[in-house]
Each structure stands twice: as structure tokens, then as C-alpha cells.
C-alpha atoms as a PDB file:
ATOM      1  CA  MET A   1     114.662 117.440 120.132  1.00  0.00           C
ATOM      2  CA  MET A   2     113.585 117.352 116.506  1.00  0.00           C
ATOM      3  CA  ARG A   3     109.926 117.746 115.676  1.00  0.00           C
ATOM      4  CA  SER A   4     108.163 114.711 114.263  1.00  0.00           C
ATOM      5  CA  LYS A   5     108.319 114.106 110.539  1.00  0.00           C
ATOM      6  CA  ILE A   6     105.430 114.816 108.198  1.00  0.00           C
ATOM      7  CA  SER A   7     103.034 111.899 107.836  1.00  0.00           C
ATOM      8  CA  ARG A   8     103.400 109.735 104.754  1.00  0.00           C
ATOM      9  CA  ARG A   9      99.894 110.696 103.580  1.00  0.00           C
ATOM     10  CA  GLU A  10     100.720 114.406 103.651  1.00  0.00           C
ATOM     11  CA  ALA A  11     104.237 113.816 102.516  1.00  0.00           C
ATOM     12  CA  VAL A  12     104.141 112.436  99.023  1.00  0.00           C
ATOM     13  CA  LEU A  13     103.186 115.781  97.552  1.00  0.00           C
ATOM     14  CA  GLY A  14     102.770 118.128 100.479  1.00  0.00           C
ATOM     15  CA  LEU A  15      99.310 118.864  99.074  1.00  0.00           C
ATOM     16  CA  GLY A  16      97.134 118.729 102.138  1.00  0.00           C
ATOM     17  CA  ALA A  17      93.980 120.120 100.572  1.00  0.00           C
ATOM     18  CA  LEU A  18      94.583 119.114  96.963  1.00  0.00           C
ATOM     19  CA  LEU A  19      91.299 117.390  96.267  1.00  0.00           C
ATOM     20  CA  ALA A  20      89.309 120.231  97.789  1.00  0.00           C
ATOM     21  CA  THR A  21      91.170 123.118  96.214  1.00  0.00           C
ATOM     22  CA  GLY A  22      92.908 121.770  93.153  1.00  0.00           C
ATOM     23  CA  VAL A  23      92.134 118.906  90.804  1.00  0.00           C
ATOM     24  CA  GLY A  24      89.014 117.782  92.593  1.00  0.00           C
ATOM     25  CA  GLY A  25      86.894 120.901  92.772  1.00  0.00           C
ATOM     26  CA  CYS A  26      88.616 124.201  92.215  1.00  0.00           C
ATOM     27  CA  LYS A  27      86.256 126.834  90.843  1.00  0.00           C
ATOM     28  CA  ARG A  28      89.000 129.273  89.899  1.00  0.00           C
ATOM     29  CA  SER A  29      89.343 129.838  86.171  1.00  0.00           C
ATOM     30  CA  ASP A  30      91.986 127.896  84.286  1.00  0.00           C
ATOM     31  CA  ALA A  31      92.723 131.159  82.480  1.00  0.00           C
ATOM     32  CA  GLY A  32      93.644 132.939  85.705  1.00  0.00           C
ATOM     33  CA  GLU A  33      93.114 136.664  85.991  1.00  0.00           C
ATOM     34  CA  PRO A  34      92.939 138.536  82.671  1.00  0.00           C
ATOM     35  CA  GLY A  35      95.951 140.758  82.093  1.00  0.00           C
ATOM     36  CA  VAL A  36      97.938 139.127  84.912  1.00  0.00           C
ATOM     37  CA  VAL A  37     100.409 136.242  84.946  1.00  0.00           C
ATOM     38  CA  ARG A  38     101.207 134.688  88.330  1.00  0.00           C
ATOM     39  CA  LEU A  39     104.641 133.047  88.545  1.00  0.00           C
ATOM     40  CA  GLY A  40     105.927 130.875  91.407  1.00  0.00           C
ATOM     41  CA  TYR A  41     109.533 129.814  91.991  1.00  0.00           C
ATOM     42  CA  LEU A  42     112.043 128.712  94.636  1.00  0.00           C
ATOM     43  CA  ALA A  43     114.869 130.751  96.163  1.00  0.00           C
ATOM     44  CA  ASN A  44     117.464 128.134  95.159  1.00  0.00           C
ATOM     45  CA  VAL A  45     120.450 128.618  92.854  1.00  0.00           C
ATOM     46  CA  THR A  46     118.944 126.080  90.429  1.00  0.00           C
ATOM     47  CA  HIS A  47     116.180 128.626  89.767  1.00  0.00           C
ATOM     48  CA  ALA A  48     118.638 131.500  89.267  1.00  0.00           C
ATOM     49  CA  PRO A  49     117.474 132.640  85.795  1.00  0.00           C
ATOM     50  CA  VAL A  50     113.956 133.191  87.123  1.00  0.00           C
ATOM     51  CA  ILE A  51     115.189 134.752  90.361  1.00  0.00           C
ATOM     52  CA  ALA A  52     117.438 137.214  88.528  1.00  0.00           C
ATOM     53  CA  GLY A  53     114.833 137.965  85.882  1.00  0.00           C
ATOM     54  CA  VAL A  54     112.182 138.753  88.482  1.00  0.00           C
ATOM     55  CA  ALA A  55     114.459 140.768  90.780  1.00  0.00           C
ATOM     56  CA  SER A  56     115.827 142.887  87.920  1.00  0.00           C
ATOM     57  CA  GLY A  57     112.377 143.555  86.502  1.00  0.00           C
ATOM     58  CA  ARG A  58     113.407 142.150  83.110  1.00  0.00           C
ATOM     59  CA  ILE A  59     110.735 139.438  83.017  1.00  0.00           C
ATOM     60  CA  ALA A  60     108.052 141.962  83.957  1.00  0.00           C
ATOM     61  CA  ARG A  61     109.226 144.330  81.225  1.00  0.00           C
ATOM     62  CA  ALA A  62     109.449 141.531  78.671  1.00  0.00           C
ATOM     63  CA  ILE A  63     105.819 140.496  79.118  1.00  0.00           C
ATOM     64  CA  ALA A  64     104.336 144.014  79.421  1.00  0.00           C
ATOM     65  CA  PRO A  65     101.590 145.151  79.246  1.00  0.00           C
ATOM     66  CA  LEU A  66     100.802 141.943  81.117  1.00  0.00           C
ATOM     67  CA  LYS A  67     101.239 142.407  84.857  1.00  0.00           C
ATOM     68  CA  LEU A  68     103.599 139.962  86.582  1.00  0.00           C
ATOM     69  CA  GLU A  69     102.778 138.713  90.087  1.00  0.00           C
ATOM     70  CA  THR A  70     105.250 136.415  91.843  1.00  0.00           C
ATOM     71  CA  ARG A  71     105.377 134.097  94.837  1.00  0.00           C
ATOM     72  CA  VAL A  72     108.361 132.349  96.413  1.00  0.00           C
ATOM     73  CA  PHE A  73     107.950 128.811  97.776  1.00  0.00           C
ATOM     74  CA  ARG A  74     109.946 126.552 100.069  1.00  0.00           C
ATOM     75  CA  ALA A  75     109.997 123.492  97.783  1.00  0.00           C
ATOM     76  CA  GLY A  76     108.556 122.082  94.578  1.00  0.00           C
ATOM     77  CA  PRO A  77     105.507 120.321  96.078  1.00  0.00           C
ATOM     78  CA  SER A  78     104.198 123.704  97.213  1.00  0.00           C
ATOM     79  CA  VAL A  79     104.654 125.101  93.686  1.00  0.00           C
ATOM     80  CA  VAL A  80     102.661 122.198  92.252  1.00  0.00           C
ATOM     81  CA  GLU A  81      99.946 122.677  94.872  1.00  0.00           C
ATOM     82  CA  ALA A  82      99.645 126.321  93.850  1.00  0.00           C
ATOM     83  CA  LEU A  83      99.421 125.365  90.169  1.00  0.00           C
ATOM     84  CA  LEU A  84      96.673 122.856  90.810  1.00  0.00           C
ATOM     85  CA  SER A  85      94.705 125.220  93.021  1.00  0.00           C
ATOM     86  CA  ARG A  86      95.041 127.902  90.317  1.00  0.00           C
ATOM     87  CA  SER A  87      96.858 130.182  92.772  1.00  0.00           C
ATOM     88  CA  ILE A  88      99.629 130.582  90.189  1.00  0.00           C
ATOM     89  CA  ASP A  89      99.686 130.095  86.421  1.00  0.00           C
ATOM     90  CA  ILE A  90     103.314 129.108  85.813  1.00  0.00           C
ATOM     91  CA  GLY A  91     105.899 127.723  88.215  1.00  0.00           C
ATOM     92  CA  THR A  92     109.415 126.356  88.425  1.00  0.00           C
ATOM     93  CA  SER A  93     109.872 123.077  90.247  1.00  0.00           C
ATOM     94  CA  GLY A  94     112.156 120.097  90.371  1.00  0.00           C
ATOM     95  CA  PRO A  95     110.915 117.018  88.514  1.00  0.00           C
ATOM     96  CA  ALA A  96     109.696 114.921  91.459  1.00  0.00           C
ATOM     97  CA  PRO A  97     106.513 116.840  92.360  1.00  0.00           C
ATOM     98  CA  VAL A  98     105.698 117.206  88.670  1.00  0.00           C
ATOM     99  CA  VAL A  99     105.963 113.532  87.728  1.00  0.00           C
ATOM    100  CA  ILE A 100     104.274 112.376  90.938  1.00  0.00           C
ATOM    101  CA  THR A 101     101.327 114.691  90.359  1.00  0.00           C
ATOM    102  CA  GLN A 102     100.972 113.764  86.694  1.00  0.00           C
ATOM    103  CA  SER A 103     101.050 110.073  87.571  1.00  0.00           C
ATOM    104  CA  ARG A 104      98.543 110.328  90.397  1.00  0.00           C
ATOM    105  CA  TYR A 105      96.012 112.590  88.673  1.00  0.00           C
ATOM    106  CA  GLY A 106      96.479 111.657  85.023  1.00  0.00           C
ATOM    107  CA  ASP A 107      97.589 113.067  81.714  1.00  0.00           C
ATOM    108  CA  GLY A 108      96.569 116.653  81.196  1.00  0.00           C
ATOM    109  CA  THR A 109      97.179 117.698  84.805  1.00  0.00           C
ATOM    110  CA  LEU A 110     100.507 119.449  84.267  1.00  0.00           C
ATOM    111  CA  GLU A 111     102.736 120.314  81.328  1.00  0.00           C
ATOM    112  CA  ILE A 112     106.486 120.886  81.247  1.00  0.00           C
ATOM    113  CA  GLU A 113     107.146 123.998  79.154  1.00  0.00           C
ATOM    114  CA  SER A 114     110.931 124.233  79.381  1.00  0.00           C
ATOM    115  CA  GLY A 115     114.029 123.367  81.284  1.00  0.00           C
ATOM    116  CA  CYS A 116     115.715 125.836  83.624  1.00  0.00           C
ATOM    117  CA  GLY A 117     118.402 124.330  85.865  1.00  0.00           C
ATOM    118  CA  SER A 118     120.552 121.194  85.992  1.00  0.00           C
ATOM    119  CA  GLY A 119     122.615 119.835  88.874  1.00  0.00           C
ATOM    120  CA  GLY A 120     122.905 121.721  92.119  1.00  0.00           C
ATOM    121  CA  ALA A 121     122.078 119.053  94.703  1.00  0.00           C
ATOM    122  CA  SER A 122     124.288 117.086  97.082  1.00  0.00           C
ATOM    123  CA  PHE A 123     124.093 114.737 100.032  1.00  0.00           C
ATOM    124  CA  VAL A 124     126.133 116.314 102.818  1.00  0.00           C
ATOM    125  CA  VAL A 125     127.075 114.570 106.061  1.00  0.00           C
ATOM    126  CA  ARG A 126     127.974 116.041 109.425  1.00  0.00           C
ATOM    127  CA  ALA A 127     131.544 115.986 110.653  1.00  0.00           C
ATOM    128  CA  GLY A 128     131.776 113.428 113.414  1.00  0.00           C
ATOM    129  CA  ALA A 129     128.815 111.391 112.160  1.00  0.00           C
ATOM    130  CA  LYS A 130     131.191 108.523 111.263  1.00  0.00           C
ATOM    131  CA  ILE A 131     129.748 108.090 107.776  1.00  0.00           C
ATOM    132  CA  GLU A 132     132.383 106.757 105.393  1.00  0.00           C
ATOM    133  CA  ARG A 133     130.226 104.543 103.174  1.00  0.00           C
ATOM    134  CA  ALA A 134     126.537 104.186 102.419  1.00  0.00           C
ATOM    135  CA  SER A 135     126.123 101.299 104.870  1.00  0.00           C
ATOM    136  CA  ASP A 136     127.166 103.643 107.698  1.00  0.00           C
ATOM    137  CA  LEU A 137     123.820 105.434 107.302  1.00  0.00           C
ATOM    138  CA  ARG A 138     122.115 102.602 109.158  1.00  0.00           C
ATOM    139  CA  GLY A 139     120.646 104.055 112.354  1.00  0.00           C
ATOM    140  CA  LYS A 140     121.372 107.643 111.300  1.00  0.00           C
ATOM    141  CA  SER A 141     119.056 110.659 110.958  1.00  0.00           C
ATOM    142  CA  VAL A 142     118.891 112.401 107.588  1.00  0.00           C
ATOM    143  CA  ALA A 143     116.643 114.981 105.970  1.00  0.00           C
ATOM    144  CA  SER A 144     115.447 116.685 102.803  1.00  0.00           C
ATOM    145  CA  PRO A 145     113.622 120.033 102.382  1.00  0.00           C
ATOM    146  CA  GLN A 146     110.160 118.498 101.918  1.00  0.00           C
ATOM    147  CA  ILE A 147     108.891 114.953 101.525  1.00  0.00           C
ATOM    148  CA  GLY A 148     108.006 114.407  97.881  1.00  0.00           C
ATOM    149  CA  CYS A 149     110.441 117.080  96.667  1.00  0.00           C
ATOM    150  CA  THR A 150     113.183 116.215  94.187  1.00  0.00           C
ATOM    151  CA  GLN A 151     115.919 115.945  96.809  1.00  0.00           C
ATOM    152  CA  ASP A 152     113.698 113.681  98.917  1.00  0.00           C
ATOM    153  CA  VAL A 153     113.261 111.225  96.043  1.00  0.00           C
ATOM    154  CA  SER A 154     117.019 111.296  95.359  1.00  0.00           C
ATOM    155  CA  LEU A 155     117.720 110.586  99.023  1.00  0.00           C
ATOM    156  CA  ARG A 156     115.287 107.662  99.192  1.00  0.00           C
ATOM    157  CA  LYS A 157     116.592 106.217  95.926  1.00  0.00           C
ATOM    158  CA  TYR A 158     120.140 106.382  97.279  1.00  0.00           C
ATOM    159  CA  LEU A 159     119.131 104.620 100.478  1.00  0.00           C
ATOM    160  CA  LYS A 160     117.371 101.883  98.485  1.00  0.00           C
ATOM    161  CA  SER A 161     120.404 101.384  96.255  1.00  0.00           C
ATOM    162  CA  ALA A 162     122.468 100.793  99.411  1.00  0.00           C
ATOM    163  CA  GLY A 163     119.976  98.248 100.753  1.00  0.00           C
ATOM    164  CA  LEU A 164     118.611 100.712 103.309  1.00  0.00           C
ATOM    165  CA  ASP A 165     115.207 102.288 103.907  1.00  0.00           C
ATOM    166  CA  SER A 166     113.390 104.764 106.115  1.00  0.00           C
ATOM    167  CA  ILE A 167     111.902 103.669 109.415  1.00  0.00           C
ATOM    168  CA  GLU A 168     108.339 104.154 108.175  1.00  0.00           C
ATOM    169  CA  ASN A 169     109.102 101.688 105.374  1.00  0.00           C
ATOM    170  CA  GLY A 170     110.528  99.080 107.700  1.00  0.00           C
ATOM    171  CA  GLY A 171     114.154 100.216 107.552  1.00  0.00           C
ATOM    172  CA  ASP A 172     116.336 101.811 110.189  1.00  0.00           C
ATOM    173  CA  VAL A 173     117.211 105.240 108.769  1.00  0.00           C
ATOM    174  CA  ARG A 174     115.294 108.169 110.248  1.00  0.00           C
ATOM    175  CA  VAL A 175     114.188 110.461 107.403  1.00  0.00           C
ATOM    176  CA  PHE A 176     112.862 113.934 108.206  1.00  0.00           C
ATOM    177  CA  ALA A 177     111.510 116.859 106.200  1.00  0.00           C
ATOM    178  CA  PHE A 178     112.729 120.288 107.313  1.00  0.00           C
ATOM    179  CA  ALA A 179     113.235 123.667 105.721  1.00  0.00           C
ATOM    180  CA  PRO A 180     116.908 124.075 104.714  1.00  0.00           C
ATOM    181  CA  ALA A 181     117.570 126.652 107.438  1.00  0.00           C
ATOM    182  CA  THR A 182     116.241 124.188 110.018  1.00  0.00           C
ATOM    183  CA  ILE A 183     118.419 121.435 108.555  1.00  0.00           C
ATOM    184  CA  LEU A 184     121.457 123.678 108.997  1.00  0.00           C
ATOM    185  CA  ALA A 185     120.522 124.367 112.629  1.00  0.00           C
ATOM    186  CA  GLU A 186     119.801 120.685 113.411  1.00  0.00           C
ATOM    187  CA  MET A 187     123.084 119.553 111.884  1.00  0.00           C
ATOM    188  CA  ARG A 188     124.914 122.206 113.894  1.00  0.00           C
ATOM    189  CA  ARG A 189     123.310 120.793 117.057  1.00  0.00           C
ATOM    190  CA  GLY A 190     124.262 117.247 116.051  1.00  0.00           C
ATOM    191  CA  GLU A 191     120.624 116.145 115.788  1.00  0.00           C
ATOM    192  CA  LEU A 192     120.893 115.386 112.052  1.00  0.00           C
ATOM    193  CA  ASP A 193     123.668 113.327 110.505  1.00  0.00           C
ATOM    194  CA  GLY A 194     123.113 114.274 106.886  1.00  0.00           C
ATOM    195  CA  ALA A 195     120.829 115.925 104.338  1.00  0.00           C
ATOM    196  CA  TRP A 196     120.164 115.943 100.615  1.00  0.00           C
ATOM    197  CA  LEU A 197     120.047 119.639  99.784  1.00  0.00           C
ATOM    198  CA  PRO A 198     119.839 122.020  96.822  1.00  0.00           C
ATOM    199  CA  GLU A 199     122.299 124.856  96.366  1.00  0.00           C
ATOM    200  CA  PRO A 200     123.292 127.124  97.962  1.00  0.00           C
ATOM    201  CA  TRP A 201     122.290 125.175 101.085  1.00  0.00           C
ATOM    202  CA  ALA A 202     124.490 122.135 100.465  1.00  0.00           C
ATOM    203  CA  THR A 203     127.583 124.320 100.158  1.00  0.00           C
ATOM    204  CA  ARG A 204     126.527 126.432 103.164  1.00  0.00           C
ATOM    205  CA  VAL A 205     126.351 123.324 105.339  1.00  0.00           C
ATOM    206  CA  VAL A 206     129.744 122.141 104.063  1.00  0.00           C
ATOM    207  CA  GLN A 207     131.535 125.427 104.640  1.00  0.00           C
ATOM    208  CA  LEU A 208     129.773 126.693 107.766  1.00  0.00           C
ATOM    209  CA  LEU A 209     129.721 123.399 109.658  1.00  0.00           C
ATOM    210  CA  GLY A 210     132.716 121.601 108.226  1.00  0.00           C
ATOM    211  CA  ALA A 211     130.380 118.954 106.819  1.00  0.00           C
ATOM    212  CA  ARG A 212     131.442 116.720 103.940  1.00  0.00           C
ATOM    213  CA  ARG A 213     129.898 116.508 100.475  1.00  0.00           C
ATOM    214  CA  PHE A 214     129.262 112.764 100.548  1.00  0.00           C
ATOM    215  CA  VAL A 215     127.475 112.639  97.166  1.00  0.00           C
ATOM    216  CA  ASP A 216     127.460 115.228  94.385  1.00  0.00           C
ATOM    217  CA  GLU A 217     124.268 114.132  92.636  1.00  0.00           C
ATOM    218  CA  ARG A 218     125.706 114.949  89.224  1.00  0.00           C
ATOM    219  CA  ASP A 219     127.970 111.924  89.648  1.00  0.00           C
ATOM    220  CA  LEU A 220     124.907 109.642  89.681  1.00  0.00           C
ATOM    221  CA  TRP A 221     123.624 110.715  86.232  1.00  0.00           C
ATOM    222  CA  PRO A 222     124.839 110.188  82.641  1.00  0.00           C
ATOM    223  CA  ASP A 223     126.902 113.148  81.419  1.00  0.00           C
ATOM    224  CA  ARG A 224     126.493 114.574  84.959  1.00  0.00           C
ATOM    225  CA  GLU A 225     123.215 116.220  83.895  1.00  0.00           C
ATOM    226  CA  PHE A 226     119.844 115.911  85.565  1.00  0.00           C
ATOM    227  CA  SER A 227     116.843 118.186  85.740  1.00  0.00           C
ATOM    228  CA  ALA A 228     116.788 120.342  88.852  1.00  0.00           C
ATOM    229  CA  ALA A 229     114.335 123.058  87.805  1.00  0.00           C
ATOM    230  CA  LEU A 230     111.586 122.872  85.183  1.00  0.00           C
ATOM    231  CA  VAL A 231     109.153 125.511  83.937  1.00  0.00           C
ATOM    232  CA  VAL A 232     105.676 124.037  84.423  1.00  0.00           C
ATOM    233  CA  SER A 233     102.098 125.098  83.754  1.00  0.00           C
ATOM    234  CA  ARG A 234      98.676 123.553  83.214  1.00  0.00           C
ATOM    235  CA  PRO A 235      97.600 122.466  79.707  1.00  0.00           C
ATOM    236  CA  GLN A 236      94.340 124.329  80.317  1.00  0.00           C
ATOM    237  CA  PHE A 237      96.243 127.568  80.898  1.00  0.00           C
ATOM    238  CA  ARG A 238      98.083 127.058  77.627  1.00  0.00           C
ATOM    239  CA  SER A 239      94.773 126.495  75.822  1.00  0.00           C
ATOM    240  CA  ALA A 240      93.245 129.630  77.313  1.00  0.00           C
ATOM    241  CA  ARG A 241      96.273 131.939  77.093  1.00  0.00           C
ATOM    242  CA  GLU A 242      98.904 130.413  74.848  1.00  0.00           C
ATOM    243  CA  GLY A 243     100.273 133.811  73.820  1.00  0.00           C
ATOM    244  CA  ASP A 244     100.784 134.923  77.413  1.00  0.00           C
ATOM    245  CA  LEU A 245     102.401 131.613  78.360  1.00  0.00           C
ATOM    246  CA  SER A 246     104.752 131.870  75.398  1.00  0.00           C
ATOM    247  CA  LYS A 247     105.776 135.394  76.455  1.00  0.00           C
ATOM    248  CA  VAL A 248     106.749 134.234  79.939  1.00  0.00           C
ATOM    249  CA  VAL A 249     108.640 131.181  78.659  1.00  0.00           C
ATOM    250  CA  ALA A 250     110.491 133.365  76.130  1.00  0.00           C
ATOM    251  CA  ALA A 251     111.429 135.795  78.919  1.00  0.00           C
ATOM    252  CA  ILE A 252     112.780 132.912  81.038  1.00  0.00           C
ATOM    253  CA  HIS A 253     114.725 131.619  78.019  1.00  0.00           C
ATOM    254  CA  ALA A 254     116.281 135.059  77.643  1.00  0.00           C
ATOM    255  CA  GLU A 255     117.378 134.875  81.289  1.00  0.00           C
ATOM    256  CA  ILE A 256     118.905 131.430  80.721  1.00  0.00           C
ATOM    257  CA  ASP A 257     120.848 132.843  77.755  1.00  0.00           C
ATOM    258  CA  ARG A 258     121.916 135.817  79.886  1.00  0.00           C
ATOM    259  CA  ALA A 259     123.178 133.506  82.644  1.00  0.00           C
ATOM    260  CA  ALA A 260     125.259 131.598  80.079  1.00  0.00           C
ATOM    261  CA  ALA A 261     126.653 134.767  78.481  1.00  0.00           C
ATOM    262  CA  ASP A 262     127.356 136.666  81.710  1.00  0.00           C
ATOM    263  CA  PRO A 263     127.560 134.200  84.619  1.00  0.00           C
ATOM    264  CA  ALA A 264     129.225 136.726  86.934  1.00  0.00           C
ATOM    265  CA  GLY A 265     126.468 139.273  86.388  1.00  0.00           C
ATOM    266  CA  ALA A 266     123.760 136.650  86.783  1.00  0.00           C
ATOM    267  CA  ASN A 267     125.361 135.405  89.997  1.00  0.00           C
ATOM    268  CA  GLU A 268     125.476 138.924  91.418  1.00  0.00           C
ATOM    269  CA  GLU A 269     121.785 139.531  90.716  1.00  0.00           C
ATOM    270  CA  THR A 270     120.796 136.116  92.075  1.00  0.00           C
ATOM    271  CA  PHE A 271     122.879 136.558  95.218  1.00  0.00           C
ATOM    272  CA  ARG A 272     121.282 139.888  96.042  1.00  0.00           C
ATOM    273  CA  ALA A 273     117.789 138.537  95.389  1.00  0.00           C
ATOM    274  CA  ILE A 274     118.217 135.350  97.430  1.00  0.00           C
ATOM    275  CA  ASP A 275     119.820 137.351 100.229  1.00  0.00           C
ATOM    276  CA  GLN A 276     116.690 139.499 100.437  1.00  0.00           C
ATOM    277  CA  LEU A 277     114.339 136.509 100.197  1.00  0.00           C
ATOM    278  CA  THR A 278     115.920 133.956 102.542  1.00  0.00           C
ATOM    279  CA  GLY A 279     119.456 135.053 103.319  1.00  0.00           C
ATOM    280  CA  ALA A 280     122.157 133.908 100.903  1.00  0.00           C
ATOM    281  CA  GLY A 281     124.984 133.623 103.416  1.00  0.00           C
ATOM    282  CA  PRO A 282     128.556 134.781 102.754  1.00  0.00           C
ATOM    283  CA  ARG A 283     129.251 135.694  99.139  1.00  0.00           C
ATOM    284  CA  ASN A 284     132.189 133.292  98.779  1.00  0.00           C
ATOM    285  CA  ILE A 285     129.943 130.382  99.795  1.00  0.00           C
ATOM    286  CA  PHE A 286     127.310 131.439  97.300  1.00  0.00           C
ATOM    287  CA  ASP A 287     129.868 131.667  94.488  1.00  0.00           C
ATOM    288  CA  ASP A 288     131.174 128.196  95.334  1.00  0.00           C
ATOM    289  CA  ALA A 289     127.610 126.857  95.265  1.00  0.00           C
ATOM    290  CA  CYS A 290     127.052 128.224  91.757  1.00  0.00           C
ATOM    291  CA  ALA A 291     129.813 125.970  90.424  1.00  0.00           C
ATOM    292  CA  PHE A 292     127.546 122.954  90.991  1.00  0.00           C
ATOM    293  CA  VAL A 293     124.728 124.306  88.785  1.00  0.00           C
ATOM    294  CA  SER A 294     124.213 124.816  85.069  1.00  0.00           C
ATOM    295  CA  PHE A 295     121.269 126.266  83.167  1.00  0.00           C
ATOM    296  CA  THR A 296     119.482 124.916  80.135  1.00  0.00           C
ATOM    297  CA  LYS A 297     116.264 125.423  78.192  1.00  0.00           C
ATOM    298  CA  ASP A 298     116.279 121.681  77.543  1.00  0.00           C
ATOM    299  CA  PRO A 299     113.961 119.914  80.020  1.00  0.00           C
ATOM    300  CA  LEU A 300     116.298 116.893  79.836  1.00  0.00           C
ATOM    301  CA  ARG A 301     113.390 114.651  78.980  1.00  0.00           C
ATOM    302  CA  GLU A 302     115.225 111.334  79.397  1.00  0.00           C
ATOM    303  CA  ALA A 303     116.474 112.339  82.833  1.00  0.00           C
ATOM    304  CA  VAL A 304     112.961 113.396  83.879  1.00  0.00           C
ATOM    305  CA  LEU A 305     111.521 110.063  82.739  1.00  0.00           C
ATOM    306  CA  ALA A 306     114.340 108.183  84.480  1.00  0.00           C
ATOM    307  CA  PHE A 307     113.552 110.134  87.618  1.00  0.00           C
ATOM    308  CA  ALA A 308     109.890 109.176  87.236  1.00  0.00           C
ATOM    309  CA  GLY A 309     110.915 105.542  86.965  1.00  0.00           C
ATOM    310  CA  ASP A 310     112.915 105.875  90.182  1.00  0.00           C
ATOM    311  CA  ALA A 311     109.959 107.453  91.988  1.00  0.00           C
ATOM    312  CA  CYS A 312     107.710 104.676  90.697  1.00  0.00           C
ATOM    313  CA  ALA A 313     110.123 102.034  92.001  1.00  0.00           C
ATOM    314  CA  LEU A 314     109.986 103.769  95.388  1.00  0.00           C
ATOM    315  CA  GLY A 315     106.194 103.488  95.415  1.00  0.00           C
ATOM    316  CA  LEU A 316     105.691 107.251  95.203  1.00  0.00           C
ATOM    317  CA  LEU A 317     103.676 107.090  91.989  1.00  0.00           C
ATOM    318  CA  PRO A 318     101.570 104.368  90.385  1.00  0.00           C
ATOM    319  CA  LYS A 319     103.011 104.648  86.866  1.00  0.00           C
ATOM    320  CA  VAL A 320     105.480 106.640  84.792  1.00  0.00           C
ATOM    321  CA  PRO A 321     103.685 109.622  83.158  1.00  0.00           C
ATOM    322  CA  GLY A 322     103.040 109.574  79.419  1.00  0.00           C
ATOM    323  CA  PRO A 323     104.453 111.877  76.726  1.00  0.00           C
ATOM    324  CA  SER A 324     101.716 114.475  77.270  1.00  0.00           C
ATOM    325  CA  LEU A 325     103.744 115.693  80.240  1.00  0.00           C
ATOM    326  CA  PHE A 326     105.968 117.579  77.797  1.00  0.00           C
ATOM    327  CA  ALA A 327     104.706 120.542  75.776  1.00  0.00           C
END
């Protein structure tokens, strides 16, 4: 039997101790540790330029003599929590946790420094779940990696557009938050009917379980582009260490250029790194997953603001963030 879902209060950002450790009273310096830059990211294909750059040592070499320290997170809300608690200085996250945080805590909380990844998310449904159209989701159980993450907002928006809603909001769709590996296991057991997942997990579920890609999220956006991974920091960190921040962003931009120039090489490095971090699965599945992702330095500002508007309509944030969100 599936464990109970995260409470709505915890869920919106996954920031259980935010006020105590982050915006409300953190005593850690906005400048971080002198001579060190702490970078957080996710082990998803949408973050591949950062993953490959860290694993190869190129980002560390590019910012030397600064020392690079890295942390890997499960989902974007955890990256944002670490930024606000000053546990990291720079992070990559999908847009949802970023816009929700900026809206809730005000301009000057976070700053988008660059784009990183676009695309790379799908709603997959279990074979045998009898889901042929959106209305068939009524009474079903679905999941995302973490409530308040980008895929969670996309899932809830899709349900709303179909006239559906989660049980906690008075609807009749059961919405859970599980780590992607747990989602795979629960769908294999038949306990979950579908999930909105980033790559390579969406493709893993499709190919390992015979699930169906019900929605490729690119099809829901103009020009099939939407922000999936952004480079984010705090304005205060920029003020204190603008040169160091610029070095890291430039190193990430070089990795984005490398991924565009040599996609096969970038895929190989990313596969090996993700396999060590979380298990990448069979190589052919990973390569198929990469076809759903593209990389860009452009933060896709209009798509981010549209996403913020969607989250606002869902009641996840009180207002759409202002222009100060972008560097």
C-alpha cells in the first residue's frame, strides 16, 4: 500500500524549516565561504550540461583557483531550500520552485542567472490503466517527484484543464509525491496509474513497464519549448561575489555549447555520471530519453512567466513575480 502523500502545507515548496533556516533567520553569510562555490543540481537529463561539467571536472577547472563543492538533490524544491538556507550558492532547478518562492517571499529572494534545459518531461500512464482521454483520470492515482516541483505544477494544471482536481482540493484524482524510483516501482505493482516525470525517468517507465507516453509536455507549449532547468542564485550572492558567480555561469554556458556541438560526447558523460549517482538504466533507454531534451542559455523568460501564471491560477503562489526575478 502506498504511503500517504505529503501534506499541503509541506508540499508547496518542500521547505519544512524555511522560515527558521532560510529567509526568516539564517545567520549564514550571503557571500558563502570565501574561495569556495557550492553548486546544487538534479540528476535529470534536463540538467545534463551541469552534470557532465561537474563529472568531467571541467567546471572545477574553469573556475579555479576557486574550489567547487557540489550537491545532488531529488527535485527543485530541495535546491531552492538549500539556496535560501545558504547551504549552496548556485543551483539548477525547474521554474516552479523558483517562481513560487519569489512570489511568496518577495522580489530579491532569488535571481535567474541563465537557462540550462528545455523540454524533457512527460505524463506517462500504466498499461492496463484504461486511460484513453483526460476524463479517464477520474478516480485514478497519479504522481510527480515532489509536490511543488515543476512536474507537479504541470500535472495539476493538466488536471484543471480537463475539469479535474486532486482529492485534497475537492476533486477525485489521487495525487502523490514520490521519488522517481518509487514511482517506477509503484507503477510496476499497479498502485499508480500515471506520473508526470522528467527524463530519463519518463522514458524508463515507458520502456521498462510498457507504459504509454500520454502527454509529451513540449506539445503543450508554443514552439515546443519550455524551461525545464534554470541556473539560479541569490541577488545577495551576486552583490557579494559577482565575479565568482559570473565564472560559474560562464562555465555552465561552455557546457551548454559543448552539448550542442558534441551531443554524443555529452550524452556519454551524462550517462556515466547519472548511472553513478542514481542509476541511469539501460543505455538505449537513456539515449531515447535525450531526444526529448534540448539545452539553451536562454531562460525562456516568457515561458517562465507563463508557468508562474499557471501556478498562480492553481493557488500555489499569491502573485506572478516581477522582472527582478531575472538577472
